[in-house]
C-alpha cells in the first residue's frame, strides 16, 4: 500500500519512539481494515 511507502527514517515522528510506535500501530489498524477488500480480487 501507499502507507508502507512512507520513509519513517526521514519522518519527524522517528525522533520520538513513542510517537513512531503510535503511528505504526495506526497504520497497522488501517491496513487490517482495508486488506480484506484488497484480497477479494
PDB file of N, CA and C in Angstrom:
ATOM      1  N   UNK A   1       0.831  -1.200   0.000  1.00  0.00           N
ATOM      2  CA  UNK A   1       0.000   0.000   0.000  1.00  0.00           C
ATOM      3  C   UNK A   1       0.864   1.248   0.000  1.00  0.00           C
ATOM      4  N   UNK A   2       0.256   2.372  -0.221  1.00  0.00           N
ATOM      5  CA  UNK A   2       0.983   3.643  -0.198  1.00  0.00           C
ATOM      6  C   UNK A   2       1.552   3.907   1.185  1.00  0.00           C
ATOM      7  N   UNK A   3       0.827   3.461   2.225  1.00  0.00           N
ATOM      8  CA  UNK A   3       1.263   3.706   3.595  1.00  0.00           C
ATOM      9  C   UNK A   3       2.630   3.088   3.858  1.00  0.00           C
ATOM     10  N   UNK A   4       2.873   1.911   3.289  1.00  0.00           N
ATOM     11  CA  UNK A   4       4.152   1.242   3.509  1.00  0.00           C
ATOM     12  C   UNK A   4       5.297   1.970   2.813  1.00  0.00           C
ATOM     13  N   UNK A   5       4.961   2.862   1.872  1.00  0.00           N
ATOM     14  CA  UNK A   5       5.985   3.590   1.130  1.00  0.00           C
ATOM     15  C   UNK A   5       6.542   4.751   1.949  1.00  0.00           C
ATOM     16  N   UNK A   6       5.887   5.053   3.077  1.00  0.00           N
ATOM     17  CA  UNK A   6       6.355   6.147   3.932  1.00  0.00           C
ATOM     18  C   UNK A   6       7.737   5.805   4.493  1.00  0.00           C
ATOM     19  N   UNK A   7       8.645   6.761   4.389  1.00  0.00           N
ATOM     20  CA  UNK A   7      10.003   6.542   4.903  1.00  0.00           C
ATOM     21  C   UNK A   7      10.067   7.044   6.341  1.00  0.00           C
ATOM     22  N   UNK A   8       9.961   6.132   7.301  1.00  0.00           N
ATOM     23  CA  UNK A   8       9.941   6.531   8.702  1.00  0.00           C
ATOM     24  C   UNK A   8      11.285   7.117   9.150  1.00  0.00           C
ATOM     25  N   UNK A   9      12.358   6.780   8.449  1.00  0.00           N
ATOM     26  CA  UNK A   9      13.672   7.285   8.828  1.00  0.00           C
ATOM     27  C   UNK A   9      13.722   8.800   8.691  1.00  0.00           C
ATOM     28  N   UNK A  10      13.011   9.342   7.705  1.00  0.00           N
ATOM     29  CA  UNK A  10      13.023  10.785   7.477  1.00  0.00           C
ATOM     30  C   UNK A  10      11.767  11.440   8.043  1.00  0.00           C
ATOM     31  N   UNK A  11      10.898  10.621   8.643  1.00  0.00           N
ATOM     32  CA  UNK A  11       9.652  11.145   9.203  1.00  0.00           C
ATOM     33  C   UNK A  11       9.921  11.775  10.565  1.00  0.00           C
ATOM     34  N   UNK A  12       9.337  12.941  10.827  1.00  0.00           N
ATOM     35  CA  UNK A  12       9.560  13.640  12.113  1.00  0.00           C
ATOM     36  C   UNK A  12       9.272  12.754  13.322  1.00  0.00           C
ATOM     37  N   UNK A  13       8.305  11.856  13.195  1.00  0.00           N
ATOM     38  CA  UNK A  13       7.921  11.001  14.318  1.00  0.00           C
ATOM     39  C   UNK A  13       9.040  10.045  14.716  1.00  0.00           C
ATOM     40  N   UNK A  14       9.995   9.817  13.814  1.00  0.00           N
ATOM     41  CA  UNK A  14      11.073   8.871  14.106  1.00  0.00           C
ATOM     42  C   UNK A  14      11.942   9.362  15.257  1.00  0.00           C
ATOM     43  N   UNK A  15      11.865  10.657  15.561  1.00  0.00           N
ATOM     44  CA  UNK A  15      12.651  11.211  16.656  1.00  0.00           C
ATOM     45  C   UNK A  15      12.052  10.808  17.998  1.00  0.00           C
ATOM     46  N   UNK A  16      10.780  10.418  17.993  1.00  0.00           N
ATOM     47  CA  UNK A  16      10.094  10.043  19.228  1.00  0.00           C
ATOM     48  C   UNK A  16       9.581   8.607  19.109  1.00  0.00           C
ATOM     49  N   UNK A  17      10.261   7.663  19.744  1.00  0.00           N
ATOM     50  CA  UNK A  17       9.897   6.239  19.641  1.00  0.00           C
ATOM     51  C   UNK A  17       8.437   5.981  19.985  1.00  0.00           C
ATOM     52  N   UNK A  18       7.902   6.710  20.961  1.00  0.00           N
ATOM     53  CA  UNK A  18       6.511   6.503  21.368  1.00  0.00           C
ATOM     54  C   UNK A  18       5.571   6.939  20.257  1.00  0.00           C
ATOM     55  N   UNK A  19       5.867   8.106  19.666  1.00  0.00           N
ATOM     56  CA  UNK A  19       5.035   8.606  18.565  1.00  0.00           C
ATOM     57  C   UNK A  19       5.150   7.682  17.368  1.00  0.00           C
ATOM     58  N   UNK A  20       6.379   7.249  17.085  1.00  0.00           N
ATOM     59  CA  UNK A  20       6.610   6.352  15.950  1.00  0.00           C
ATOM     60  C   UNK A  20       5.798   5.070  16.118  1.00  0.00           C
ATOM     61  N   UNK A  21       5.803   4.540  17.317  1.00  0.00           N
ATOM     62  CA  UNK A  21       5.061   3.301  17.586  1.00  0.00           C
ATOM     63  C   UNK A  21       3.562   3.530  17.404  1.00  0.00           C
ATOM     64  N   UNK A  22       3.078   4.688  17.843  1.00  0.00           N
ATOM     65  CA  UNK A  22       1.657   5.010  17.704  1.00  0.00           C
ATOM     66  C   UNK A  22       1.280   5.121  16.238  1.00  0.00           C
ATOM     67  N   UNK A  23       2.172   5.725  15.452  1.00  0.00           N
ATOM     68  CA  UNK A  23       1.916   5.872  14.015  1.00  0.00           C
ATOM     69  C   UNK A  23       1.879   4.497  13.357  1.00  0.00           C
ATOM     70  N   UNK A  24       2.837   3.647  13.706  1.00  0.00           N
ATOM     71  CA  UNK A  24       2.888   2.306  13.117  1.00  0.00           C
ATOM     72  C   UNK A  24       1.647   1.503  13.509  1.00  0.00           C
ATOM     73  N   UNK A  25       1.192   1.691  14.752  1.00  0.00           N
ATOM     74  CA  UNK A  25       0.008   0.986  15.228  1.00  0.00           C
ATOM     75  C   UNK A  25      -1.218   1.433  14.439  1.00  0.00           C
ATOM     76  N   UNK A  26      -1.314   2.739  14.200  1.00  0.00           N
ATOM     77  CA  UNK A  26      -2.442   3.281  13.438  1.00  0.00           C
ATOM     78  C   UNK A  26      -2.433   2.737  12.019  1.00  0.00           C
ATOM     79  N   UNK A  27      -1.242   2.681  11.415  1.00  0.00           N
ATOM     80  CA  UNK A  27      -1.122   2.157  10.051  1.00  0.00           C
ATOM     81  C   UNK A  27      -1.515   0.684  10.021  1.00  0.00           C
ATOM     82  N   UNK A  28      -1.110  -0.063  11.033  1.00  0.00           N
ATOM     83  CA  UNK A  28      -1.460  -1.484  11.089  1.00  0.00           C
ATOM     84  C   UNK A  28      -2.977  -1.658  11.157  1.00  0.00           C
ATOM     85  N   UNK A  29      -3.635  -0.808  11.945  1.00  0.00           N
ATOM     86  CA  UNK A  29      -5.095  -0.890  12.059  1.00  0.00           C
ATOM     87  C   UNK A  29      -5.753  -0.545  10.734  1.00  0.00           C
ATOM     88  N   UNK A  30      -5.217   0.476  10.058  1.00  0.00           N
ATOM     89  CA  UNK A  30      -5.765   0.877   8.755  1.00  0.00           C
ATOM     90  C   UNK A  30      -5.597  -0.256   7.752  1.00  0.00           C
ATOM     91  N   UNK A  31      -4.434  -0.887   7.758  1.00  0.00           N
ATOM     92  CA  UNK A  31      -4.180  -1.982   6.819  1.00  0.00           C
ATOM     93  C   UNK A  31      -5.106  -3.158   7.107  1.00  0.00           C
ATOM     94  N   UNK A  32      -5.346  -3.453   8.380  1.00  0.00           N
ATOM     95  CA  UNK A  32      -6.261  -4.538   8.743  1.00  0.00           C
ATOM     96  C   UNK A  32      -7.664  -4.242   8.234  1.00  0.00           C
ATOM     97  N   UNK A  33      -8.018  -2.954   8.252  1.00  0.00           N
ATOM     98  CA  UNK A  33      -9.363  -2.543   7.852  1.00  0.00           C
ATOM     99  C   UNK A  33      -9.560  -2.690   6.344  1.00  0.00           C
ATOM    100  N   UNK A  34      -8.498  -2.409   5.573  1.00  0.00           N
ATOM    101  CA  UNK A  34      -8.640  -2.398   4.120  1.00  0.00           C
ATOM    102  C   UNK A  34      -8.157  -3.673   3.433  1.00  0.00           C
ATOM    103  N   UNK A  35      -7.337  -4.465   4.109  1.00  0.00           N
ATOM    104  CA  UNK A  35      -6.790  -5.669   3.488  1.00  0.00           C
ATOM    105  C   UNK A  35      -7.858  -6.643   2.992  1.00  0.00           C
ATOM    106  N   UNK A  36      -8.910  -6.921   3.758  1.00  0.00           N
ATOM    107  CA  UNK A  36      -9.940  -7.863   3.287  1.00  0.00           C
ATOM    108  C   UNK A  36     -10.534  -7.455   1.943  1.00  0.00           C
ATOM    109  N   UNK A  37     -10.690  -6.167   1.713  1.00  0.00           N
ATOM    110  CA  UNK A  37     -11.245  -5.688   0.450  1.00  0.00           C
ATOM    111  C   UNK A  37     -10.262  -5.946  -0.686  1.00  0.00           C
ATOM    112  N   UNK A  38      -8.964  -5.804  -0.392  1.00  0.00           N
ATOM    113  CA  UNK A  38      -7.943  -5.996  -1.421  1.00  0.00           C
ATOM    114  C   UNK A  38      -7.818  -7.472  -1.797  1.00  0.00           C
ATOM    115  N   UNK A  39      -8.068  -8.367  -0.835  1.00  0.00           N
ATOM    116  CA  UNK A  39      -7.886  -9.799  -1.075  1.00  0.00           C
ATOM    117  C   UNK A  39      -9.068 -10.439  -1.789  1.00  0.00           C
ATOM    118  N   UNK A  40     -10.124  -9.677  -2.040  1.00  0.00           N
ATOM    119  CA  UNK A  40     -11.312 -10.241  -2.680  1.00  0.00           C
ATOM    120  C   UNK A  40     -11.167 -10.300  -4.192  1.00  0.00           C
ATOM    121  N   UNK A  41     -10.042  -9.810  -4.706  1.00  0.00           N
ATOM    122  CA  UNK A  41      -9.849  -9.819  -6.169  1.00  0.00           C
ATOM    123  C   UNK A  41      -9.762 -11.254  -6.675  1.00  0.00           C
TER     124      UNK A  41
END
